[in-house]
Amino acid sequence: AIAGLNLKLGRYGTYPDPQEGWKFISTLENAGHFLGGDNSFWRFSPELTRYFNFNPQQKIATRLKLGLGYPDDKGLFQLGGENSLRGFAYKTINGSRALMFNAEYSQDLIDDLDIRFLDNIICLDKIQGVGFFDIGKSWFGSFNDRSFKKDAGLGLRLHFTLGSFLEKFILRLDAAQPLNQPKSKRHY
């Protein structure tokens, strides 16, 4: 059984692709033996994202995330995969604490496409190119136990509209290469 609090604050542009501003997300969770649970821990994870807009076609998004948990022997934070260290497999870097930073530059490649699919239900509006860099680590006990993992990569962002006006969504396609592990494979 887990009880938690989630705080979200922000002042940023339009969803799902903010052009400028910031957002802060903080989560505090406690798992205990109440309600018959067999696991006990607490974790706290604040995250700050900042968007910098150079012009309507270019922006940089940065994100800093910290994770603190107790006890030290549980894998409470997992890094790796599309939302953290993109050059590493999903949830392969584990620990009771974590620190991560992402930076992503995006440039519009093709704007105002208006390509429609499925009898005008889905519309491809825009294609962006991105370059990114991720650095982070998750560790048990001592901060010096593990080194920082780094990756860099390129990607495309396909911006769609569903039902002409109902919802916007972005399909992310990324290729990332770990930088400090030369024999590692590229992750897509």
N, C-alpha and C. Protein backbone atom coordinates (compact mmCIF):
# COMPACT_ATOMS: atom_id res chain seq x y z
N ALA A 1 0.85 -1.17 0.00
CA ALA A 1 0.00 0.00 0.00
C ALA A 1 0.89 1.23 0.00
N ILE A 2 0.61 2.17 -0.90
CA ILE A 2 1.41 3.38 -1.03
C ILE A 2 0.48 4.59 -0.91
N ALA A 3 0.91 5.55 -0.10
CA ALA A 3 0.21 6.84 -0.01
C ALA A 3 1.18 7.89 -0.53
N GLY A 4 0.67 8.85 -1.28
CA GLY A 4 1.56 9.84 -1.85
C GLY A 4 0.92 11.19 -2.05
N LEU A 5 1.79 12.19 -2.20
CA LEU A 5 1.38 13.55 -2.54
C LEU A 5 2.11 13.95 -3.80
N ASN A 6 1.43 14.69 -4.66
CA ASN A 6 2.03 15.15 -5.89
C ASN A 6 1.73 16.63 -6.02
N LEU A 7 2.76 17.44 -6.24
CA LEU A 7 2.62 18.88 -6.40
C LEU A 7 3.12 19.26 -7.78
N LYS A 8 2.29 19.97 -8.53
CA LYS A 8 2.67 20.44 -9.86
C LYS A 8 2.45 21.94 -9.93
N LEU A 9 3.50 22.66 -10.27
CA LEU A 9 3.43 24.10 -10.46
C LEU A 9 4.07 24.41 -11.80
N GLY A 10 3.60 25.45 -12.45
CA GLY A 10 4.24 25.79 -13.71
C GLY A 10 3.64 26.99 -14.38
N ARG A 11 4.43 27.51 -15.27
CA ARG A 11 4.00 28.60 -16.13
C ARG A 11 4.73 28.38 -17.45
N TYR A 12 4.06 27.73 -18.36
CA TYR A 12 4.69 27.38 -19.62
C TYR A 12 3.68 27.42 -20.74
N GLY A 13 4.18 27.29 -21.96
CA GLY A 13 3.35 27.44 -23.15
C GLY A 13 2.38 26.30 -23.38
N THR A 14 1.88 26.22 -24.57
CA THR A 14 0.80 25.30 -24.91
C THR A 14 1.23 23.83 -24.86
N TYR A 15 0.30 23.01 -24.45
CA TYR A 15 0.47 21.56 -24.43
C TYR A 15 0.30 21.03 -25.84
N PRO A 16 0.99 20.03 -26.29
CA PRO A 16 1.97 19.20 -25.60
C PRO A 16 3.42 19.63 -25.84
N ASP A 17 3.63 20.77 -26.47
CA ASP A 17 4.98 21.21 -26.84
C ASP A 17 5.23 22.64 -26.36
N PRO A 18 5.51 22.82 -25.07
CA PRO A 18 5.73 24.18 -24.56
C PRO A 18 6.92 24.85 -25.23
N GLN A 19 6.79 26.13 -25.53
CA GLN A 19 7.85 26.88 -26.18
C GLN A 19 8.72 27.64 -25.19
N GLU A 20 8.13 28.04 -24.05
CA GLU A 20 8.89 28.78 -23.06
C GLU A 20 8.24 28.61 -21.70
N GLY A 21 8.99 28.93 -20.65
CA GLY A 21 8.46 28.86 -19.31
C GLY A 21 9.12 27.79 -18.48
N TRP A 22 8.43 27.34 -17.42
CA TRP A 22 8.98 26.36 -16.49
C TRP A 22 7.85 25.53 -15.90
N LYS A 23 8.24 24.37 -15.36
CA LYS A 23 7.31 23.58 -14.57
C LYS A 23 8.10 22.83 -13.50
N PHE A 24 7.45 22.67 -12.35
CA PHE A 24 8.03 21.97 -11.22
C PHE A 24 7.07 20.89 -10.79
N ILE A 25 7.57 19.66 -10.70
CA ILE A 25 6.76 18.53 -10.27
C ILE A 25 7.49 17.86 -9.11
N SER A 26 6.79 17.66 -8.02
CA SER A 26 7.38 17.03 -6.85
C SER A 26 6.46 15.93 -6.35
N THR A 27 7.04 14.78 -6.06
CA THR A 27 6.27 13.64 -5.59
C THR A 27 6.87 13.13 -4.29
N LEU A 28 6.03 12.88 -3.32
CA LEU A 28 6.43 12.29 -2.04
C LEU A 28 5.56 11.06 -1.83
N GLU A 29 6.21 9.90 -1.64
CA GLU A 29 5.47 8.65 -1.48
C GLU A 29 5.94 7.91 -0.24
N ASN A 30 5.02 7.22 0.40
CA ASN A 30 5.34 6.39 1.55
C ASN A 30 4.60 5.07 1.40
N ALA A 31 5.36 3.99 1.45
CA ALA A 31 4.76 2.65 1.42
C ALA A 31 4.98 2.04 2.79
N GLY A 32 3.97 1.42 3.30
CA GLY A 32 4.09 0.85 4.64
C GLY A 32 3.33 -0.44 4.76
N HIS A 33 3.33 -0.92 5.96
CA HIS A 33 2.65 -2.18 6.24
C HIS A 33 1.17 -1.97 6.52
N PHE A 34 0.69 -0.72 6.39
CA PHE A 34 -0.73 -0.48 6.56
C PHE A 34 -1.50 -1.11 5.40
N LEU A 35 -2.70 -1.48 5.61
CA LEU A 35 -3.57 -2.16 4.64
C LEU A 35 -2.98 -3.48 4.16
N GLY A 36 -2.14 -4.10 4.97
CA GLY A 36 -1.60 -5.42 4.64
C GLY A 36 -0.42 -5.42 3.70
N GLY A 37 0.21 -4.27 3.46
CA GLY A 37 1.37 -4.22 2.58
C GLY A 37 2.57 -4.93 3.18
N ASP A 38 3.43 -5.52 2.33
CA ASP A 38 4.60 -6.23 2.84
C ASP A 38 5.90 -5.48 2.52
N ASN A 39 5.80 -4.24 2.06
CA ASN A 39 6.96 -3.46 1.69
C ASN A 39 6.90 -2.12 2.44
N SER A 40 8.06 -1.58 2.80
CA SER A 40 8.08 -0.32 3.52
C SER A 40 9.20 0.55 2.97
N PHE A 41 8.89 1.77 2.54
CA PHE A 41 9.89 2.71 2.05
C PHE A 41 9.27 4.09 1.97
N TRP A 42 10.11 5.10 1.76
CA TRP A 42 9.65 6.43 1.39
C TRP A 42 10.55 6.94 0.29
N ARG A 43 10.01 7.77 -0.58
CA ARG A 43 10.82 8.40 -1.62
C ARG A 43 10.26 9.79 -1.95
N PHE A 44 11.19 10.66 -2.31
CA PHE A 44 10.88 12.04 -2.64
C PHE A 44 11.59 12.36 -3.93
N SER A 45 10.86 12.91 -4.93
CA SER A 45 11.48 13.19 -6.23
C SER A 45 11.00 14.52 -6.79
N PRO A 46 11.77 15.59 -6.57
CA PRO A 46 11.46 16.87 -7.22
C PRO A 46 12.08 16.92 -8.62
N GLU A 47 11.40 17.61 -9.53
CA GLU A 47 11.84 17.71 -10.92
C GLU A 47 11.53 19.12 -11.42
N LEU A 48 12.52 19.77 -12.03
CA LEU A 48 12.35 21.12 -12.57
C LEU A 48 12.66 21.09 -14.06
N THR A 49 11.74 21.58 -14.87
CA THR A 49 11.92 21.67 -16.33
C THR A 49 11.85 23.13 -16.73
N ARG A 50 12.74 23.53 -17.62
CA ARG A 50 12.79 24.93 -18.09
C ARG A 50 12.85 24.92 -19.61
N TYR A 51 12.03 25.77 -20.24
CA TYR A 51 11.97 25.89 -21.70
C TYR A 51 12.49 27.25 -22.12
N PHE A 52 13.39 27.26 -23.08
CA PHE A 52 13.96 28.50 -23.61
C PHE A 52 13.62 28.59 -25.09
N ASN A 53 12.98 29.68 -25.50
CA ASN A 53 12.55 29.86 -26.87
C ASN A 53 13.43 30.92 -27.55
N PHE A 54 14.12 30.52 -28.62
CA PHE A 54 14.97 31.46 -29.36
C PHE A 54 14.17 32.20 -30.43
N ASN A 55 13.32 31.47 -31.10
CA ASN A 55 12.38 32.01 -32.08
C ASN A 55 11.28 30.97 -32.25
N PRO A 56 10.25 31.22 -33.04
CA PRO A 56 9.16 30.23 -33.12
C PRO A 56 9.57 28.84 -33.62
N GLN A 57 10.74 28.73 -34.27
CA GLN A 57 11.16 27.44 -34.81
C GLN A 57 12.23 26.73 -33.98
N GLN A 58 12.81 27.38 -32.97
CA GLN A 58 13.90 26.78 -32.21
C GLN A 58 13.66 26.95 -30.71
N LYS A 59 13.99 25.89 -29.95
CA LYS A 59 13.91 25.99 -28.50
C LYS A 59 14.85 24.98 -27.86
N ILE A 60 15.12 25.21 -26.58
CA ILE A 60 15.88 24.28 -25.76
C ILE A 60 15.04 23.96 -24.54
N ALA A 61 14.96 22.68 -24.21
CA ALA A 61 14.28 22.24 -22.99
C ALA A 61 15.31 21.57 -22.11
N THR A 62 15.35 21.95 -20.83
CA THR A 62 16.26 21.33 -19.87
C THR A 62 15.44 20.78 -18.71
N ARG A 63 15.95 19.70 -18.11
CA ARG A 63 15.24 19.08 -16.98
C ARG A 63 16.25 18.58 -15.97
N LEU A 64 16.02 18.88 -14.72
CA LEU A 64 16.84 18.40 -13.61
C LEU A 64 15.94 17.62 -12.66
N LYS A 65 16.33 16.39 -12.34
CA LYS A 65 15.52 15.55 -11.47
C LYS A 65 16.40 14.96 -10.38
N LEU A 66 15.87 14.97 -9.16
CA LEU A 66 16.56 14.42 -8.01
C LEU A 66 15.66 13.36 -7.40
N GLY A 67 16.24 12.30 -6.89
CA GLY A 67 15.47 11.27 -6.20
C GLY A 67 16.14 10.90 -4.89
N LEU A 68 15.39 10.94 -3.81
CA LEU A 68 15.88 10.56 -2.49
C LEU A 68 14.95 9.52 -1.92
N GLY A 69 15.51 8.42 -1.41
CA GLY A 69 14.68 7.37 -0.87
C GLY A 69 15.32 6.68 0.32
N TYR A 70 14.47 5.98 1.06
CA TYR A 70 14.93 5.22 2.22
C TYR A 70 14.09 3.95 2.30
N PRO A 71 14.65 2.81 2.56
CA PRO A 71 16.01 2.50 2.95
C PRO A 71 16.96 2.44 1.76
N ASP A 72 18.26 2.40 2.08
CA ASP A 72 19.30 2.46 1.05
C ASP A 72 19.41 1.21 0.19
N ASP A 73 18.82 0.11 0.60
CA ASP A 73 19.01 -1.15 -0.13
C ASP A 73 17.90 -1.45 -1.14
N LYS A 74 16.95 -0.54 -1.33
CA LYS A 74 15.85 -0.79 -2.27
C LYS A 74 16.05 0.00 -3.56
N GLY A 75 15.73 -0.61 -4.69
CA GLY A 75 15.80 0.06 -5.99
C GLY A 75 14.58 0.94 -6.20
N LEU A 76 14.57 2.09 -5.57
CA LEU A 76 13.40 2.97 -5.61
C LEU A 76 13.37 3.87 -6.84
N PHE A 77 14.50 4.05 -7.49
CA PHE A 77 14.57 4.89 -8.70
C PHE A 77 15.26 4.09 -9.80
N GLN A 78 14.64 4.05 -10.96
CA GLN A 78 15.18 3.34 -12.11
C GLN A 78 15.36 4.33 -13.26
N LEU A 79 16.58 4.41 -13.76
CA LEU A 79 16.86 5.27 -14.91
C LEU A 79 17.09 4.41 -16.13
N GLY A 80 16.91 5.01 -17.29
CA GLY A 80 17.05 4.31 -18.55
C GLY A 80 15.71 4.30 -19.27
N GLY A 81 15.76 4.44 -20.57
CA GLY A 81 14.53 4.44 -21.35
C GLY A 81 14.18 5.81 -21.87
N GLU A 82 13.04 5.92 -22.49
CA GLU A 82 12.66 7.12 -23.25
C GLU A 82 12.44 8.37 -22.42
N ASN A 83 12.21 8.26 -21.12
CA ASN A 83 11.95 9.45 -20.32
C ASN A 83 13.08 9.79 -19.35
N SER A 84 14.23 9.17 -19.50
CA SER A 84 15.35 9.51 -18.61
C SER A 84 16.66 9.44 -19.39
N LEU A 85 17.45 8.39 -19.20
CA LEU A 85 18.70 8.23 -19.94
C LEU A 85 18.40 7.41 -21.20
N ARG A 86 18.19 8.08 -22.31
CA ARG A 86 17.70 7.43 -23.53
C ARG A 86 18.70 6.50 -24.18
N GLY A 87 19.97 6.58 -23.83
CA GLY A 87 20.98 5.69 -24.40
C GLY A 87 21.11 4.37 -23.68
N PHE A 88 20.29 4.14 -22.67
CA PHE A 88 20.36 2.93 -21.87
C PHE A 88 18.99 2.26 -21.85
N ALA A 89 19.00 0.94 -21.67
CA ALA A 89 17.75 0.17 -21.69
C ALA A 89 16.84 0.62 -20.53
N TYR A 90 15.57 0.41 -20.72
CA TYR A 90 14.52 0.83 -19.79
C TYR A 90 14.75 0.27 -18.38
N LYS A 91 14.83 1.16 -17.39
CA LYS A 91 14.94 0.83 -15.97
C LYS A 91 16.12 -0.08 -15.63
N THR A 92 17.27 0.12 -16.25
CA THR A 92 18.43 -0.72 -15.97
C THR A 92 19.40 -0.13 -14.96
N ILE A 93 19.28 1.14 -14.64
CA ILE A 93 20.17 1.79 -13.69
C ILE A 93 19.35 2.06 -12.42
N ASN A 94 19.59 1.25 -11.37
CA ASN A 94 18.74 1.27 -10.18
C ASN A 94 19.48 1.78 -8.96
N GLY A 95 18.71 2.33 -8.02
CA GLY A 95 19.27 2.75 -6.75
C GLY A 95 18.22 3.35 -5.84
N SER A 96 18.63 3.68 -4.64
CA SER A 96 17.71 4.31 -3.69
C SER A 96 17.76 5.83 -3.80
N ARG A 97 18.71 6.34 -4.58
CA ARG A 97 18.83 7.77 -4.85
C ARG A 97 19.15 7.95 -6.33
N ALA A 98 18.83 9.12 -6.86
CA ALA A 98 19.08 9.36 -8.29
C ALA A 98 19.29 10.85 -8.53
N LEU A 99 20.05 11.14 -9.57
CA LEU A 99 20.27 12.50 -10.03
C LEU A 99 20.36 12.43 -11.55
N MET A 100 19.61 13.31 -12.25
CA MET A 100 19.58 13.25 -13.71
C MET A 100 19.39 14.65 -14.29
N PHE A 101 20.03 14.88 -15.44
CA PHE A 101 19.88 16.13 -16.18
C PHE A 101 19.72 15.79 -17.66
N ASN A 102 18.75 16.45 -18.32
CA ASN A 102 18.54 16.30 -19.77
C ASN A 102 18.56 17.69 -20.40
N ALA A 103 19.11 17.78 -21.59
CA ALA A 103 19.02 19.00 -22.41
C ALA A 103 18.65 18.57 -23.81
N GLU A 104 17.66 19.27 -24.40
CA GLU A 104 17.19 18.91 -25.74
C GLU A 104 16.98 20.17 -26.57
N TYR A 105 17.64 20.23 -27.72
CA TYR A 105 17.47 21.32 -28.68
C TYR A 105 16.54 20.84 -29.77
N SER A 106 15.53 21.63 -30.10
CA SER A 106 14.61 21.24 -31.18
C SER A 106 14.50 22.36 -32.21
N GLN A 107 14.40 21.94 -33.45
CA GLN A 107 14.32 22.84 -34.61
C GLN A 107 13.20 22.33 -35.51
N ASP A 108 12.27 23.22 -35.87
CA ASP A 108 11.23 22.83 -36.82
C ASP A 108 11.86 22.53 -38.18
N LEU A 109 11.55 21.37 -38.73
CA LEU A 109 12.04 21.00 -40.06
C LEU A 109 10.99 21.32 -41.12
N ILE A 110 9.77 20.90 -40.86
CA ILE A 110 8.66 21.16 -41.78
C ILE A 110 7.46 21.59 -40.94
N ASP A 111 6.94 22.77 -41.20
CA ASP A 111 5.83 23.32 -40.43
C ASP A 111 4.58 23.42 -41.32
N ASP A 112 3.42 23.44 -40.74
CA ASP A 112 2.14 23.59 -41.46
C ASP A 112 1.96 22.54 -42.55
N LEU A 113 2.19 21.27 -42.20
CA LEU A 113 2.06 20.18 -43.17
C LEU A 113 0.62 19.92 -43.59
N ASP A 114 -0.27 19.76 -42.62
CA ASP A 114 -1.68 19.49 -42.86
C ASP A 114 -1.89 18.24 -43.73
N ILE A 115 -1.18 17.14 -43.37
CA ILE A 115 -1.37 15.85 -44.04
C ILE A 115 -2.36 15.04 -43.22
N ARG A 116 -3.47 14.65 -43.85
CA ARG A 116 -4.56 14.00 -43.12
C ARG A 116 -4.63 12.50 -43.43
N PHE A 117 -4.96 11.73 -42.36
CA PHE A 117 -5.07 10.28 -42.46
C PHE A 117 -6.42 9.84 -41.92
N LEU A 118 -6.84 8.64 -42.29
CA LEU A 118 -8.05 8.01 -41.76
C LEU A 118 -9.27 8.92 -41.84
N ASP A 119 -9.54 9.38 -43.04
CA ASP A 119 -10.72 10.22 -43.29
C ASP A 119 -10.73 11.47 -42.40
N ASN A 120 -9.59 12.14 -42.34
CA ASN A 120 -9.40 13.40 -41.61
C ASN A 120 -9.47 13.25 -40.08
N ILE A 121 -9.33 12.04 -39.55
CA ILE A 121 -9.35 11.87 -38.10
C ILE A 121 -8.00 12.28 -37.50
N ILE A 122 -6.91 11.94 -38.17
CA ILE A 122 -5.57 12.28 -37.70
C ILE A 122 -4.90 13.17 -38.72
N CYS A 123 -4.24 14.23 -38.23
CA CYS A 123 -3.56 15.17 -39.12
C CYS A 123 -2.11 15.35 -38.65
N LEU A 124 -1.14 15.18 -39.55
CA LEU A 124 0.26 15.45 -39.26
C LEU A 124 0.50 16.93 -39.53
N ASP A 125 0.82 17.68 -38.45
CA ASP A 125 0.95 19.13 -38.55
C ASP A 125 2.38 19.61 -38.77
N LYS A 126 3.33 18.96 -38.09
CA LYS A 126 4.69 19.50 -38.09
C LYS A 126 5.68 18.38 -37.80
N ILE A 127 6.92 18.54 -38.33
CA ILE A 127 8.02 17.63 -38.03
C ILE A 127 9.18 18.47 -37.48
N GLN A 128 9.69 18.05 -36.32
CA GLN A 128 10.83 18.70 -35.71
C GLN A 128 12.01 17.75 -35.67
N GLY A 129 13.21 18.29 -35.76
CA GLY A 129 14.43 17.54 -35.51
C GLY A 129 14.97 17.95 -34.14
N VAL A 130 15.54 16.99 -33.40
CA VAL A 130 16.07 17.28 -32.08
C VAL A 130 17.45 16.67 -31.91
N GLY A 131 18.24 17.32 -31.08
CA GLY A 131 19.50 16.79 -30.60
C GLY A 131 19.44 16.85 -29.09
N PHE A 132 19.96 15.84 -28.40
CA PHE A 132 19.82 15.82 -26.94
C PHE A 132 21.05 15.23 -26.27
N PHE A 133 21.19 15.55 -24.99
CA PHE A 133 22.25 15.03 -24.13
C PHE A 133 21.62 14.71 -22.78
N ASP A 134 21.91 13.52 -22.25
CA ASP A 134 21.40 13.09 -20.95
C ASP A 134 22.58 12.67 -20.08
N ILE A 135 22.52 13.00 -18.80
CA ILE A 135 23.52 12.55 -17.84
C ILE A 135 22.81 12.24 -16.53
N GLY A 136 23.21 11.16 -15.88
CA GLY A 136 22.58 10.84 -14.61
C GLY A 136 23.15 9.59 -14.00
N LYS A 137 22.74 9.36 -12.77
CA LYS A 137 23.11 8.11 -12.10
C LYS A 137 22.11 7.83 -11.00
N SER A 138 22.01 6.57 -10.65
CA SER A 138 21.20 6.11 -9.54
C SER A 138 22.08 5.20 -8.72
N TRP A 139 22.03 5.34 -7.39
CA TRP A 139 22.98 4.62 -6.55
C TRP A 139 22.33 4.19 -5.24
N PHE A 140 22.98 3.23 -4.61
CA PHE A 140 22.61 2.74 -3.28
C PHE A 140 23.64 3.29 -2.29
N GLY A 141 23.22 3.81 -1.17
CA GLY A 141 24.15 4.23 -0.12
C GLY A 141 24.97 5.44 -0.48
N SER A 142 26.22 5.24 -0.89
CA SER A 142 27.17 6.32 -1.13
C SER A 142 27.09 6.86 -2.56
N PHE A 143 27.15 8.18 -2.69
CA PHE A 143 27.13 8.85 -3.99
C PHE A 143 28.29 8.39 -4.87
N ASN A 144 29.42 8.03 -4.26
CA ASN A 144 30.62 7.62 -5.00
C ASN A 144 30.57 6.18 -5.48
N ASP A 145 29.50 5.44 -5.14
CA ASP A 145 29.41 4.03 -5.55
C ASP A 145 29.40 3.84 -7.06
N ARG A 146 28.79 4.76 -7.77
CA ARG A 146 28.65 4.61 -9.23
C ARG A 146 29.01 5.90 -9.93
N SER A 147 29.46 5.77 -11.19
CA SER A 147 29.78 6.95 -11.98
C SER A 147 28.55 7.40 -12.76
N PHE A 148 28.62 8.62 -13.27
CA PHE A 148 27.53 9.15 -14.08
C PHE A 148 27.49 8.46 -15.43
N LYS A 149 26.30 8.16 -15.89
CA LYS A 149 26.07 7.62 -17.23
C LYS A 149 25.72 8.79 -18.13
N LYS A 150 26.25 8.78 -19.36
CA LYS A 150 26.00 9.87 -20.31
C LYS A 150 25.59 9.29 -21.65
N ASP A 151 24.71 10.00 -22.33
CA ASP A 151 24.35 9.62 -23.70
C ASP A 151 24.01 10.88 -24.49
N ALA A 152 24.05 10.73 -25.79
CA ALA A 152 23.67 11.80 -26.71
C ALA A 152 22.95 11.17 -27.89
N GLY A 153 22.12 11.95 -28.56
CA GLY A 153 21.40 11.38 -29.68
C GLY A 153 20.66 12.40 -30.50
N LEU A 154 20.00 11.87 -31.52
CA LEU A 154 19.19 12.66 -32.44
C LEU A 154 17.79 12.04 -32.51
N GLY A 155 16.83 12.87 -32.89
CA GLY A 155 15.48 12.35 -32.99
C GLY A 155 14.58 13.20 -33.85
N LEU A 156 13.39 12.69 -34.06
CA LEU A 156 12.33 13.40 -34.78
C LEU A 156 11.12 13.49 -33.87
N ARG A 157 10.39 14.58 -33.99
CA ARG A 157 9.13 14.76 -33.29
C ARG A 157 8.06 15.01 -34.34
N LEU A 158 7.10 14.10 -34.42
CA LEU A 158 5.99 14.21 -35.36
C LEU A 158 4.78 14.72 -34.58
N HIS A 159 4.32 15.90 -34.91
CA HIS A 159 3.20 16.55 -34.22
C HIS A 159 1.89 16.24 -34.93
N PHE A 160 0.96 15.63 -34.21
CA PHE A 160 -0.33 15.24 -34.78
C PHE A 160 -1.47 15.96 -34.06
N THR A 161 -2.58 16.10 -34.77
CA THR A 161 -3.84 16.54 -34.18
C THR A 161 -4.85 15.43 -34.40
N LEU A 162 -5.59 15.10 -33.36
CA LEU A 162 -6.60 14.05 -33.43
C LEU A 162 -7.97 14.69 -33.52
N GLY A 163 -8.73 14.35 -34.53
CA GLY A 163 -10.08 14.88 -34.69
C GLY A 163 -10.11 16.36 -35.00
N SER A 164 -9.14 16.87 -35.70
CA SER A 164 -9.03 18.25 -36.16
C SER A 164 -8.85 19.27 -35.04
N PHE A 165 -9.44 19.07 -33.89
CA PHE A 165 -9.31 20.05 -32.82
C PHE A 165 -9.35 19.42 -31.42
N LEU A 166 -9.62 18.13 -31.33
CA LEU A 166 -9.84 17.51 -30.02
C LEU A 166 -8.58 17.40 -29.18
N GLU A 167 -7.51 16.88 -29.74
CA GLU A 167 -6.31 16.61 -28.95
C GLU A 167 -5.08 16.66 -29.84
N LYS A 168 -4.00 17.17 -29.27
CA LYS A 168 -2.71 17.17 -29.97
C LYS A 168 -1.82 16.17 -29.27
N PHE A 169 -0.98 15.47 -30.04
CA PHE A 169 0.00 14.56 -29.46
C PHE A 169 1.25 14.55 -30.33
N ILE A 170 2.35 14.10 -29.71
CA ILE A 170 3.65 14.08 -30.38
C ILE A 170 4.18 12.65 -30.35
N LEU A 171 4.56 12.15 -31.52
CA LEU A 171 5.23 10.86 -31.64
C LEU A 171 6.72 11.13 -31.64
N ARG A 172 7.43 10.58 -30.64
CA ARG A 172 8.87 10.79 -30.51
C ARG A 172 9.62 9.60 -31.07
N LEU A 173 10.59 9.86 -31.95
CA LEU A 173 11.47 8.83 -32.49
C LEU A 173 12.90 9.27 -32.19
N ASP A 174 13.61 8.50 -31.34
CA ASP A 174 14.95 8.87 -30.91
C ASP A 174 15.94 7.75 -31.14
N ALA A 175 17.18 8.12 -31.38
CA ALA A 175 18.31 7.20 -31.40
C ALA A 175 19.37 7.80 -30.49
N ALA A 176 19.81 7.04 -29.47
CA ALA A 176 20.76 7.55 -28.49
C ALA A 176 21.91 6.57 -28.32
N GLN A 177 23.10 7.12 -28.15
CA GLN A 177 24.31 6.32 -27.97
C GLN A 177 24.93 6.65 -26.62
N PRO A 178 25.19 5.63 -25.76
CA PRO A 178 25.92 5.89 -24.52
C PRO A 178 27.31 6.43 -24.83
N LEU A 179 27.76 7.44 -24.08
CA LEU A 179 29.05 8.07 -24.37
C LEU A 179 30.21 7.48 -23.59
N ASN A 180 29.98 7.03 -22.38
CA ASN A 180 31.09 6.53 -21.58
C ASN A 180 31.16 5.01 -21.54
N GLN A 181 30.49 4.35 -22.47
CA GLN A 181 30.56 2.90 -22.61
C GLN A 181 30.68 2.58 -24.11
N PRO A 182 31.91 2.59 -24.64
CA PRO A 182 32.10 2.48 -26.08
C PRO A 182 31.57 1.22 -26.73
N LYS A 183 31.44 0.11 -25.99
CA LYS A 183 30.95 -1.13 -26.60
C LYS A 183 29.43 -1.28 -26.53
N SER A 184 28.77 -0.30 -25.95
CA SER A 184 27.31 -0.36 -25.83
C SER A 184 26.64 -0.09 -27.17
N LYS A 185 25.48 -0.71 -27.34
CA LYS A 185 24.71 -0.53 -28.57
C LYS A 185 23.89 0.75 -28.49
N ARG A 186 23.55 1.26 -29.65
CA ARG A 186 22.65 2.41 -29.76
C ARG A 186 21.24 1.95 -29.38
N HIS A 187 20.51 2.83 -28.71
CA HIS A 187 19.14 2.52 -28.31
C HIS A 187 18.18 3.40 -29.11
N TYR A 188 17.07 2.79 -29.54
CA TYR A 188 16.06 3.48 -30.33
C TYR A 188 14.78 3.58 -29.54
